[in-house]
Amino acid sequence: MAGVLADVETSKLSAEDKALFRFVRKVNDNSVAIGPPDIAQLHEAGFSDEAIYYAITACALFNFYNRWIDASGVHAMSDEAHRMGAKRSAVHGYSRSSQPVPSEPPK
């Protein structure tokens, strides 16, 4: 992961995954410039329209969440809370419906 964050191009990702990361970077940085050639490159790398849609959606949602959190003053989670969340997601998946029901309702 550190290699991908440092430089996608020199990371150990496959050529196909590098193409997807380049595309997501463009979604994040310059979405108005995305056109048919960008989608064609992803198709050539083996990605379906559905996979491309999900990549766009995930990028857009994280942008929304980050801006909402920054602007509303929500406090950042601790490193330990992030680790616990990652472990929970690895076991139970990413959707809320797959998470265990809390023993007590939130206050």
PDB file of N, CA and C in Angstrom:
ATOM      1  N   MET A   1       0.826  -1.185   0.000  1.00  0.00           N
ATOM      2  CA  MET A   1       0.000   0.000   0.000  1.00  0.00           C
ATOM      3  C   MET A   1       0.875   1.255   0.000  1.00  0.00           C
ATOM      4  N   ALA A   2       1.947   1.220   0.772  1.00  0.00           N
ATOM      5  CA  ALA A   2       2.825   2.390   0.825  1.00  0.00           C
ATOM      6  C   ALA A   2       3.378   2.710  -0.562  1.00  0.00           C
ATOM      7  N   GLY A   3       3.698   1.666  -1.336  1.00  0.00           N
ATOM      8  CA  GLY A   3       4.209   1.878  -2.685  1.00  0.00           C
ATOM      9  C   GLY A   3       3.195   2.544  -3.588  1.00  0.00           C
ATOM     10  N   VAL A   4       1.933   2.166  -3.443  1.00  0.00           N
ATOM     11  CA  VAL A   4       0.874   2.763  -4.254  1.00  0.00           C
ATOM     12  C   VAL A   4       0.688   4.226  -3.866  1.00  0.00           C
ATOM     13  N   LEU A   5       0.698   4.500  -2.572  1.00  0.00           N
ATOM     14  CA  LEU A   5       0.531   5.882  -2.121  1.00  0.00           C
ATOM     15  C   LEU A   5       1.709   6.755  -2.528  1.00  0.00           C
ATOM     16  N   ALA A   6       2.906   6.171  -2.525  1.00  0.00           N
ATOM     17  CA  ALA A   6       4.100   6.939  -2.896  1.00  0.00           C
ATOM     18  C   ALA A   6       4.117   7.242  -4.388  1.00  0.00           C
ATOM     19  N   ASP A   7       3.845   6.222  -5.210  1.00  0.00           N
ATOM     20  CA  ASP A   7       3.882   6.400  -6.667  1.00  0.00           C
ATOM     21  C   ASP A   7       3.235   5.201  -7.331  1.00  0.00           C
ATOM     22  N   VAL A   8       2.052   5.401  -7.854  1.00  0.00           N
ATOM     23  CA  VAL A   8       1.320   4.315  -8.513  1.00  0.00           C
ATOM     24  C   VAL A   8       2.162   3.680  -9.616  1.00  0.00           C
ATOM     25  N   GLU A   9       2.858   4.500 -10.377  1.00  0.00           N
ATOM     26  CA  GLU A   9       3.585   4.006 -11.549  1.00  0.00           C
ATOM     27  C   GLU A   9       4.715   3.038 -11.186  1.00  0.00           C
ATOM     28  N   THR A  10       5.374   3.245 -10.060  1.00  0.00           N
ATOM     29  CA  THR A  10       6.475   2.354  -9.676  1.00  0.00           C
ATOM     30  C   THR A  10       6.038   1.312  -8.644  1.00  0.00           C
ATOM     31  N   SER A  11       4.748   1.305  -8.306  1.00  0.00           N
ATOM     32  CA  SER A  11       4.238   0.339  -7.332  1.00  0.00           C
ATOM     33  C   SER A  11       4.183  -1.059  -7.947  1.00  0.00           C
ATOM     34  N   LYS A  12       3.873  -2.029  -7.115  1.00  0.00           N
ATOM     35  CA  LYS A  12       3.793  -3.421  -7.557  1.00  0.00           C
ATOM     36  C   LYS A  12       2.411  -3.790  -8.101  1.00  0.00           C
ATOM     37  N   LEU A  13       1.551  -2.805  -8.286  1.00  0.00           N
ATOM     38  CA  LEU A  13       0.236  -3.080  -8.870  1.00  0.00           C
ATOM     39  C   LEU A  13       0.382  -3.610 -10.287  1.00  0.00           C
ATOM     40  N   SER A  14      -0.627  -4.372 -10.712  1.00  0.00           N
ATOM     41  CA  SER A  14      -0.659  -4.836 -12.096  1.00  0.00           C
ATOM     42  C   SER A  14      -0.880  -3.642 -13.027  1.00  0.00           C
ATOM     43  N   ALA A  15      -0.589  -3.824 -14.290  1.00  0.00           N
ATOM     44  CA  ALA A  15      -0.802  -2.760 -15.280  1.00  0.00           C
ATOM     45  C   ALA A  15      -2.275  -2.356 -15.311  1.00  0.00           C
ATOM     46  N   GLU A  16      -3.157  -3.336 -15.163  1.00  0.00           N
ATOM     47  CA  GLU A  16      -4.598  -3.058 -15.175  1.00  0.00           C
ATOM     48  C   GLU A  16      -4.996  -2.179 -13.984  1.00  0.00           C
ATOM     49  N   ASP A  17      -4.509  -2.532 -12.804  1.00  0.00           N
ATOM     50  CA  ASP A  17      -4.850  -1.747 -11.625  1.00  0.00           C
ATOM     51  C   ASP A  17      -4.243  -0.348 -11.687  1.00  0.00           C
ATOM     52  N   LYS A  18      -3.058  -0.225 -12.262  1.00  0.00           N
ATOM     53  CA  LYS A  18      -2.460   1.100 -12.432  1.00  0.00           C
ATOM     54  C   LYS A  18      -3.346   1.964 -13.333  1.00  0.00           C
ATOM     55  N   ALA A  19      -3.912   1.364 -14.373  1.00  0.00           N
ATOM     56  CA  ALA A  19      -4.817   2.104 -15.261  1.00  0.00           C
ATOM     57  C   ALA A  19      -6.027   2.612 -14.476  1.00  0.00           C
ATOM     58  N   LEU A  20      -6.560   1.773 -13.608  1.00  0.00           N
ATOM     59  CA  LEU A  20      -7.719   2.180 -12.801  1.00  0.00           C
ATOM     60  C   LEU A  20      -7.342   3.303 -11.841  1.00  0.00           C
ATOM     61  N   PHE A  21      -6.178   3.205 -11.196  1.00  0.00           N
ATOM     62  CA  PHE A  21      -5.748   4.255 -10.279  1.00  0.00           C
ATOM     63  C   PHE A  21      -5.503   5.570 -11.018  1.00  0.00           C
ATOM     64  N   ARG A  22      -4.958   5.506 -12.228  1.00  0.00           N
ATOM     65  CA  ARG A  22      -4.771   6.732 -13.017  1.00  0.00           C
ATOM     66  C   ARG A  22      -6.132   7.381 -13.302  1.00  0.00           C
ATOM     67  N   PHE A  23      -7.092   6.541 -13.654  1.00  0.00           N
ATOM     68  CA  PHE A  23      -8.428   7.039 -13.948  1.00  0.00           C
ATOM     69  C   PHE A  23      -9.050   7.680 -12.705  1.00  0.00           C
ATOM     70  N   VAL A  24      -8.945   7.011 -11.563  1.00  0.00           N
ATOM     71  CA  VAL A  24      -9.521   7.550 -10.328  1.00  0.00           C
ATOM     72  C   VAL A  24      -8.836   8.870  -9.959  1.00  0.00           C
ATOM     73  N   ARG A  25      -7.541   8.976 -10.195  1.00  0.00           N
ATOM     74  CA  ARG A  25      -6.847  10.247  -9.955  1.00  0.00           C
ATOM     75  C   ARG A  25      -7.468  11.343 -10.824  1.00  0.00           C
ATOM     76  N   LYS A  26      -7.784  11.007 -12.079  1.00  0.00           N
ATOM     77  CA  LYS A  26      -8.400  11.998 -12.970  1.00  0.00           C
ATOM     78  C   LYS A  26      -9.813  12.340 -12.507  1.00  0.00           C
ATOM     79  N   VAL A  27     -10.551  11.344 -12.029  1.00  0.00           N
ATOM     80  CA  VAL A  27     -11.885  11.608 -11.460  1.00  0.00           C
ATOM     81  C   VAL A  27     -11.743  12.603 -10.313  1.00  0.00           C
ATOM     82  N   ASN A  28     -10.751  12.392  -9.487  1.00  0.00           N
ATOM     83  CA  ASN A  28     -10.537  13.231  -8.311  1.00  0.00           C
ATOM     84  C   ASN A  28     -10.042  14.628  -8.670  1.00  0.00           C
ATOM     85  N   ASP A  29      -9.131  14.725  -9.617  1.00  0.00           N
ATOM     86  CA  ASP A  29      -8.462  15.995  -9.905  1.00  0.00           C
ATOM     87  C   ASP A  29      -9.050  16.791 -11.063  1.00  0.00           C
ATOM     88  N   ASN A  30      -9.659  16.102 -12.046  1.00  0.00           N
ATOM     89  CA  ASN A  30     -10.073  16.808 -13.260  1.00  0.00           C
ATOM     90  C   ASN A  30     -11.228  16.062 -13.942  1.00  0.00           C
ATOM     91  N   SER A  31     -12.283  15.829 -13.194  1.00  0.00           N
ATOM     92  CA  SER A  31     -13.377  15.000 -13.712  1.00  0.00           C
ATOM     93  C   SER A  31     -14.044  15.564 -14.959  1.00  0.00           C
ATOM     94  N   VAL A  32     -14.032  16.882 -15.126  1.00  0.00           N
ATOM     95  CA  VAL A  32     -14.677  17.466 -16.311  1.00  0.00           C
ATOM     96  C   VAL A  32     -13.936  17.109 -17.593  1.00  0.00           C
ATOM     97  N   ALA A  33     -12.700  16.667 -17.481  1.00  0.00           N
ATOM     98  CA  ALA A  33     -11.907  16.316 -18.665  1.00  0.00           C
ATOM     99  C   ALA A  33     -12.030  14.839 -19.041  1.00  0.00           C
ATOM    100  N   ILE A  34     -12.816  14.070 -18.303  1.00  0.00           N
ATOM    101  CA  ILE A  34     -12.972  12.656 -18.627  1.00  0.00           C
ATOM    102  C   ILE A  34     -13.840  12.520 -19.872  1.00  0.00           C
ATOM    103  N   GLY A  35     -13.379  11.688 -20.783  1.00  0.00           N
ATOM    104  CA  GLY A  35     -14.117  11.473 -22.018  1.00  0.00           C
ATOM    105  C   GLY A  35     -14.025  10.034 -22.477  1.00  0.00           C
ATOM    106  N   PRO A  36     -14.604   9.738 -23.628  1.00  0.00           N
ATOM    107  CA  PRO A  36     -14.613   8.373 -24.150  1.00  0.00           C
ATOM    108  C   PRO A  36     -13.245   7.690 -24.201  1.00  0.00           C
ATOM    109  N   PRO A  37     -12.150   8.400 -24.525  1.00  0.00           N
ATOM    110  CA  PRO A  37     -10.849   7.714 -24.537  1.00  0.00           C
ATOM    111  C   PRO A  37     -10.452   7.162 -23.151  1.00  0.00           C
ATOM    112  N   ASP A  38     -10.836   7.866 -22.091  1.00  0.00           N
ATOM    113  CA  ASP A  38     -10.526   7.382 -20.739  1.00  0.00           C
ATOM    114  C   ASP A  38     -11.251   6.075 -20.452  1.00  0.00           C
ATOM    115  N   ILE A  39     -12.501   6.014 -20.852  1.00  0.00           N
ATOM    116  CA  ILE A  39     -13.299   4.803 -20.631  1.00  0.00           C
ATOM    117  C   ILE A  39     -12.774   3.679 -21.519  1.00  0.00           C
ATOM    118  N   ALA A  40     -12.411   4.001 -22.738  1.00  0.00           N
ATOM    119  CA  ALA A  40     -11.865   2.989 -23.657  1.00  0.00           C
ATOM    120  C   ALA A  40     -10.597   2.360 -23.088  1.00  0.00           C
ATOM    121  N   GLN A  41      -9.737   3.164 -22.465  1.00  0.00           N
ATOM    122  CA  GLN A  41      -8.519   2.621 -21.853  1.00  0.00           C
ATOM    123  C   GLN A  41      -8.847   1.623 -20.756  1.00  0.00           C
ATOM    124  N   LEU A  42      -9.864   1.925 -19.975  1.00  0.00           N
ATOM    125  CA  LEU A  42     -10.254   0.994 -18.910  1.00  0.00           C
ATOM    126  C   LEU A  42     -10.875  -0.276 -19.482  1.00  0.00           C
ATOM    127  N   HIS A  43     -11.657  -0.131 -20.543  1.00  0.00           N
ATOM    128  CA  HIS A  43     -12.206  -1.323 -21.202  1.00  0.00           C
ATOM    129  C   HIS A  43     -11.070  -2.197 -21.727  1.00  0.00           C
ATOM    130  N   GLU A  44     -10.067  -1.577 -22.334  1.00  0.00           N
ATOM    131  CA  GLU A  44      -8.913  -2.323 -22.845  1.00  0.00           C
ATOM    132  C   GLU A  44      -8.161  -3.030 -21.723  1.00  0.00           C
ATOM    133  N   ALA A  45      -8.183  -2.451 -20.512  1.00  0.00           N
ATOM    134  CA  ALA A  45      -7.525  -3.057 -19.358  1.00  0.00           C
ATOM    135  C   ALA A  45      -8.383  -4.157 -18.730  1.00  0.00           C
ATOM    136  N   GLY A  46      -9.619  -4.322 -19.251  1.00  0.00           N
ATOM    137  CA  GLY A  46     -10.466  -5.409 -18.771  1.00  0.00           C
ATOM    138  C   GLY A  46     -11.572  -5.015 -17.812  1.00  0.00           C
ATOM    139  N   PHE A  47     -11.764  -3.716 -17.606  1.00  0.00           N
ATOM    140  CA  PHE A  47     -12.797  -3.275 -16.672  1.00  0.00           C
ATOM    141  C   PHE A  47     -14.135  -3.105 -17.384  1.00  0.00           C
ATOM    142  N   SER A  48     -15.188  -3.563 -16.745  1.00  0.00           N
ATOM    143  CA  SER A  48     -16.550  -3.434 -17.285  1.00  0.00           C
ATOM    144  C   SER A  48     -17.096  -2.044 -16.967  1.00  0.00           C
ATOM    145  N   ASP A  49     -18.185  -1.695 -17.633  1.00  0.00           N
ATOM    146  CA  ASP A  49     -18.840  -0.425 -17.333  1.00  0.00           C
ATOM    147  C   ASP A  49     -19.257  -0.379 -15.863  1.00  0.00           C
ATOM    148  N   GLU A  50     -19.724  -1.514 -15.345  1.00  0.00           N
ATOM    149  CA  GLU A  50     -20.147  -1.566 -13.944  1.00  0.00           C
ATOM    150  C   GLU A  50     -18.963  -1.287 -13.006  1.00  0.00           C
ATOM    151  N   ALA A  51     -17.807  -1.874 -13.265  1.00  0.00           N
ATOM    152  CA  ALA A  51     -16.630  -1.643 -12.428  1.00  0.00           C
ATOM    153  C   ALA A  51     -16.194  -0.180 -12.506  1.00  0.00           C
ATOM    154  N   ILE A  52     -16.268   0.400 -13.678  1.00  0.00           N
ATOM    155  CA  ILE A  52     -15.901   1.815 -13.852  1.00  0.00           C
ATOM    156  C   ILE A  52     -16.875   2.696 -13.081  1.00  0.00           C
ATOM    157  N   TYR A  53     -18.152   2.373 -13.164  1.00  0.00           N
ATOM    158  CA  TYR A  53     -19.182   3.114 -12.415  1.00  0.00           C
ATOM    159  C   TYR A  53     -18.887   3.067 -10.925  1.00  0.00           C
ATOM    160  N   TYR A  54     -18.548   1.887 -10.404  1.00  0.00           N
ATOM    161  CA  TYR A  54     -18.263   1.759  -8.975  1.00  0.00           C
ATOM    162  C   TYR A  54     -17.004   2.531  -8.584  1.00  0.00           C
ATOM    163  N   ALA A  55     -16.000   2.551  -9.444  1.00  0.00           N
ATOM    164  CA  ALA A  55     -14.783   3.319  -9.151  1.00  0.00           C
ATOM    165  C   ALA A  55     -15.103   4.813  -9.075  1.00  0.00           C
ATOM    166  N   ILE A  56     -15.892   5.306 -10.023  1.00  0.00           N
ATOM    167  CA  ILE A  56     -16.300   6.712 -10.013  1.00  0.00           C
ATOM    168  C   ILE A  56     -17.102   7.010  -8.757  1.00  0.00           C
ATOM    169  N   THR A  57     -18.033   6.135  -8.429  1.00  0.00           N
ATOM    170  CA  THR A  57     -18.897   6.338  -7.266  1.00  0.00           C
ATOM    171  C   THR A  57     -18.104   6.344  -5.975  1.00  0.00           C
ATOM    172  N   ALA A  58     -17.187   5.396  -5.807  1.00  0.00           N
ATOM    173  CA  ALA A  58     -16.382   5.348  -4.577  1.00  0.00           C
ATOM    174  C   ALA A  58     -15.542   6.614  -4.440  1.00  0.00           C
ATOM    175  N   CYS A  59     -14.922   7.055  -5.514  1.00  0.00           N
ATOM    176  CA  CYS A  59     -14.108   8.273  -5.480  1.00  0.00           C
ATOM    177  C   CYS A  59     -14.978   9.479  -5.120  1.00  0.00           C
ATOM    178  N   ALA A  60     -16.124   9.602  -5.768  1.00  0.00           N
ATOM    179  CA  ALA A  60     -17.009  10.749  -5.524  1.00  0.00           C
ATOM    180  C   ALA A  60     -17.530  10.746  -4.089  1.00  0.00           C
ATOM    181  N   LEU A  61     -17.902   9.582  -3.582  1.00  0.00           N
ATOM    182  CA  LEU A  61     -18.419   9.521  -2.213  1.00  0.00           C
ATOM    183  C   LEU A  61     -17.355   9.883  -1.190  1.00  0.00           C
ATOM    184  N   PHE A  62     -16.131   9.389  -1.370  1.00  0.00           N
ATOM    185  CA  PHE A  62     -15.074   9.744  -0.430  1.00  0.00           C
ATOM    186  C   PHE A  62     -14.758  11.232  -0.492  1.00  0.00           C
ATOM    187  N   ASN A  63     -14.826  11.837  -1.678  1.00  0.00           N
ATOM    188  CA  ASN A  63     -14.649  13.279  -1.777  1.00  0.00           C
ATOM    189  C   ASN A  63     -15.744  14.008  -1.000  1.00  0.00           C
ATOM    190  N   PHE A  64     -16.975  13.548  -1.175  1.00  0.00           N
ATOM    191  CA  PHE A  64     -18.098  14.150  -0.447  1.00  0.00           C
ATOM    192  C   PHE A  64     -17.889  14.009   1.051  1.00  0.00           C
ATOM    193  N   TYR A  65     -17.598  12.789   1.514  1.00  0.00           N
ATOM    194  CA  TYR A  65     -17.428  12.555   2.954  1.00  0.00           C
ATOM    195  C   TYR A  65     -16.309  13.411   3.523  1.00  0.00           C
ATOM    196  N   ASN A  66     -15.181  13.459   2.840  1.00  0.00           N
ATOM    197  CA  ASN A  66     -14.048  14.248   3.340  1.00  0.00           C
ATOM    198  C   ASN A  66     -14.392  15.727   3.437  1.00  0.00           C
ATOM    199  N   ARG A  67     -15.067  16.252   2.444  1.00  0.00           N
ATOM    200  CA  ARG A  67     -15.430  17.669   2.489  1.00  0.00           C
ATOM    201  C   ARG A  67     -16.465  17.934   3.572  1.00  0.00           C
ATOM    202  N   TRP A  68     -17.431  17.039   3.729  1.00  0.00           N
ATOM    203  CA  TRP A  68     -18.450  17.201   4.767  1.00  0.00           C
ATOM    204  C   TRP A  68     -17.808  17.155   6.148  1.00  0.00           C
ATOM    205  N   ILE A  69     -16.919  16.197   6.357  1.00  0.00           N
ATOM    206  CA  ILE A  69     -16.244  16.070   7.654  1.00  0.00           C
ATOM    207  C   ILE A  69     -15.399  17.308   7.931  1.00  0.00           C
ATOM    208  N   ASP A  70     -14.619  17.738   6.958  1.00  0.00           N
ATOM    209  CA  ASP A  70     -13.769  18.917   7.154  1.00  0.00           C
ATOM    210  C   ASP A  70     -14.603  20.156   7.461  1.00  0.00           C
ATOM    211  N   ALA A  71     -15.670  20.378   6.712  1.00  0.00           N
ATOM    212  CA  ALA A  71     -16.466  21.593   6.864  1.00  0.00           C
ATOM    213  C   ALA A  71     -17.334  21.581   8.111  1.00  0.00           C
ATOM    214  N   SER A  72     -17.770  20.411   8.558  1.00  0.00           N
ATOM    215  CA  SER A  72     -18.675  20.350   9.711  1.00  0.00           C
ATOM    216  C   SER A  72     -17.946  20.237  11.037  1.00  0.00           C
ATOM    217  N   GLY A  73     -16.633  20.060  10.985  1.00  0.00           N
ATOM    218  CA  GLY A  73     -15.863  20.014  12.220  1.00  0.00           C
ATOM    219  C   GLY A  73     -15.906  18.679  12.946  1.00  0.00           C
ATOM    220  N   VAL A  74     -16.276  17.634  12.243  1.00  0.00           N
ATOM    221  CA  VAL A  74     -16.268  16.310  12.865  1.00  0.00           C
ATOM    222  C   VAL A  74     -14.833  15.978  13.253  1.00  0.00           C
ATOM    223  N   HIS A  75     -14.660  15.467  14.451  1.00  0.00           N
ATOM    224  CA  HIS A  75     -13.316  15.137  14.937  1.00  0.00           C
ATOM    225  C   HIS A  75     -12.782  13.891  14.252  1.00  0.00           C
ATOM    226  N   ALA A  76     -11.510  13.911  13.952  1.00  0.00           N
ATOM    227  CA  ALA A  76     -10.856  12.765  13.313  1.00  0.00           C
ATOM    228  C   ALA A  76     -10.842  11.575  14.271  1.00  0.00           C
ATOM    229  N   MET A  77     -10.945  10.385  13.701  1.00  0.00           N
ATOM    230  CA  MET A  77     -10.844   9.169  14.507  1.00  0.00           C
ATOM    231  C   MET A  77      -9.378   8.920  14.839  1.00  0.00           C
ATOM    232  N   SER A  78      -9.148   8.233  15.942  1.00  0.00           N
ATOM    233  CA  SER A  78      -7.784   7.889  16.326  1.00  0.00           C
ATOM    234  C   SER A  78      -7.254   6.786  15.410  1.00  0.00           C
ATOM    235  N   ASP A  79      -5.947   6.626  15.401  1.00  0.00           N
ATOM    236  CA  ASP A  79      -5.340   5.538  14.622  1.00  0.00           C
ATOM    237  C   ASP A  79      -5.902   4.199  15.065  1.00  0.00           C
ATOM    238  N   GLU A  80      -6.094   4.029  16.368  1.00  0.00           N
ATOM    239  CA  GLU A  80      -6.630   2.766  16.888  1.00  0.00           C
ATOM    240  C   GLU A  80      -8.053   2.531  16.385  1.00  0.00           C
ATOM    241  N   ALA A  81      -8.875   3.572  16.345  1.00  0.00           N
ATOM    242  CA  ALA A  81     -10.242   3.424  15.835  1.00  0.00           C
ATOM    243  C   ALA A  81     -10.225   3.023  14.363  1.00  0.00           C
ATOM    244  N   HIS A  82      -9.300   3.586  13.577  1.00  0.00           N
ATOM    245  CA  HIS A  82      -9.165   3.206  12.166  1.00  0.00           C
ATOM    246  C   HIS A  82      -8.753   1.739  12.044  1.00  0.00           C
ATOM    247  N   ARG A  83      -7.806   1.302  12.883  1.00  0.00           N
ATOM    248  CA  ARG A  83      -7.374  -0.109  12.849  1.00  0.00           C
ATOM    249  C   ARG A  83      -8.528  -1.038  13.187  1.00  0.00           C
ATOM    250  N   MET A  84      -9.306  -0.685  14.206  1.00  0.00           N
ATOM    251  CA  MET A  84     -10.447  -1.522  14.594  1.00  0.00           C
ATOM    252  C   MET A  84     -11.476  -1.581  13.465  1.00  0.00           C
ATOM    253  N   GLY A  85     -11.739  -0.441  12.842  1.00  0.00           N
ATOM    254  CA  GLY A  85     -12.688  -0.410  11.731  1.00  0.00           C
ATOM    255  C   GLY A  85     -12.214  -1.247  10.555  1.00  0.00           C
ATOM    256  N   ALA A  86     -10.915  -1.201  10.274  1.00  0.00           N
ATOM    257  CA  ALA A  86     -10.363  -2.001   9.175  1.00  0.00           C
ATOM    258  C   ALA A  86     -10.507  -3.490   9.469  1.00  0.00           C
ATOM    259  N   LYS A  87     -10.228  -3.886  10.697  1.00  0.00           N
ATOM    260  CA  LYS A  87     -10.373  -5.300  11.072  1.00  0.00           C
ATOM    261  C   LYS A  87     -11.829  -5.734  10.962  1.00  0.00           C
ATOM    262  N   ARG A  88     -12.748  -4.884  11.426  1.00  0.00           N
ATOM    263  CA  ARG A  88     -14.175  -5.201  11.365  1.00  0.00           C
ATOM    264  C   ARG A  88     -14.623  -5.349   9.907  1.00  0.00           C
ATOM    265  N   SER A  89     -14.172  -4.434   9.050  1.00  0.00           N
ATOM    266  CA  SER A  89     -14.548  -4.507   7.634  1.00  0.00           C
ATOM    267  C   SER A  89     -13.964  -5.744   6.962  1.00  0.00           C
ATOM    268  N   ALA A  90     -12.741  -6.115   7.346  1.00  0.00           N
ATOM    269  CA  ALA A  90     -12.122  -7.306   6.758  1.00  0.00           C
ATOM    270  C   ALA A  90     -12.909  -8.559   7.099  1.00  0.00           C
ATOM    271  N   VAL A  91     -13.491  -8.597   8.282  1.00  0.00           N
ATOM    272  CA  VAL A  91     -14.240  -9.777   8.717  1.00  0.00           C
ATOM    273  C   VAL A  91     -15.693  -9.737   8.243  1.00  0.00           C
ATOM    274  N   HIS A  92     -16.315  -8.567   8.358  1.00  0.00           N
ATOM    275  CA  HIS A  92     -17.760  -8.470   8.120  1.00  0.00           C
ATOM    276  C   HIS A  92     -18.144  -7.782   6.816  1.00  0.00           C
ATOM    277  N   GLY A  93     -17.188  -7.244   6.097  1.00  0.00           N
ATOM    278  CA  GLY A  93     -17.516  -6.521   4.871  1.00  0.00           C
ATOM    279  C   GLY A  93     -17.658  -5.038   5.131  1.00  0.00           C
ATOM    280  N   TYR A  94     -17.958  -4.301   4.083  1.00  0.00           N
ATOM    281  CA  TYR A  94     -17.961  -2.849   4.164  1.00  0.00           C
ATOM    282  C   TYR A  94     -19.347  -2.263   4.362  1.00  0.00           C
ATOM    283  N   SER A  95     -20.379  -3.040   4.131  1.00  0.00           N
ATOM    284  CA  SER A  95     -21.725  -2.472   4.255  1.00  0.00           C
ATOM    285  C   SER A  95     -22.190  -2.511   5.701  1.00  0.00           C
ATOM    286  N   ARG A  96     -22.928  -1.509   6.082  1.00  0.00           N
ATOM    287  CA  ARG A  96     -23.433  -1.414   7.453  1.00  0.00           C
ATOM    288  C   ARG A  96     -24.313  -2.604   7.796  1.00  0.00           C
ATOM    289  N   SER A  97     -25.081  -3.101   6.839  1.00  0.00           N
ATOM    290  CA  SER A  97     -25.984  -4.220   7.115  1.00  0.00           C
ATOM    291  C   SER A  97     -25.219  -5.483   7.480  1.00  0.00           C
ATOM    292  N   SER A  98     -23.924  -5.553   7.150  1.00  0.00           N
ATOM    293  CA  SER A  98     -23.142  -6.738   7.485  1.00  0.00           C
ATOM    294  C   SER A  98     -22.425  -6.586   8.819  1.00  0.00           C
ATOM    295  N   GLN A  99     -22.588  -5.429   9.461  1.00  0.00           N
ATOM    296  CA  GLN A  99     -21.916  -5.179  10.737  1.00  0.00           C
ATOM    297  C   GLN A  99     -22.738  -5.773  11.876  1.00  0.00           C
ATOM    298  N   PRO A 100     -22.057  -6.209  12.938  1.00  0.00           N
ATOM    299  CA  PRO A 100     -22.804  -6.726  14.085  1.00  0.00           C
ATOM    300  C   PRO A 100     -23.646  -5.618  14.704  1.00  0.00           C
ATOM    301  N   VAL A 101     -24.797  -5.984  15.234  1.00  0.00           N
ATOM    302  CA  VAL A 101     -25.672  -5.029  15.871  1.00  0.00           C
ATOM    303  C   VAL A 101     -25.067  -4.634  17.213  1.00  0.00           C
ATOM    304  N   PRO A 102     -24.980  -3.335  17.513  1.00  0.00           N
ATOM    305  CA  PRO A 102     -24.407  -2.930  18.801  1.00  0.00           C
ATOM    306  C   PRO A 102     -25.252  -3.434  19.951  1.00  0.00           C
ATOM    307  N   SER A 103     -24.604  -3.739  21.066  1.00  0.00           N
ATOM    308  CA  SER A 103     -25.324  -4.251  22.224  1.00  0.00           C
ATOM    309  C   SER A 103     -26.160  -3.163  22.882  1.00  0.00           C
ATOM    310  N   GLU A 104     -25.720  -1.913  22.762  1.00  0.00           N
ATOM    311  CA  GLU A 104     -26.486  -0.776  23.314  1.00  0.00           C
ATOM    312  C   GLU A 104     -26.689   0.254  22.228  1.00  0.00           C
ATOM    313  N   PRO A 105     -27.842   0.901  22.206  1.00  0.00           N
ATOM    314  CA  PRO A 105     -28.035   1.956  21.206  1.00  0.00           C
ATOM    315  C   PRO A 105     -27.084   3.111  21.469  1.00  0.00           C
ATOM    316  N   PRO A 106     -26.637   3.793  20.417  1.00  0.00           N
ATOM    317  CA  PRO A 106     -25.751   4.941  20.603  1.00  0.00           C
ATOM    318  C   PRO A 106     -26.447   6.047  21.379  1.00  0.00           C
ATOM    319  N   LYS A 107     -25.673   6.798  22.130  1.00  0.00           N
ATOM    320  CA  LYS A 107     -26.240   7.906  22.925  1.00  0.00           C
ATOM    321  C   LYS A 107     -26.075   9.213  22.216  1.00  0.00           C
TER     322      LYS A 107
END
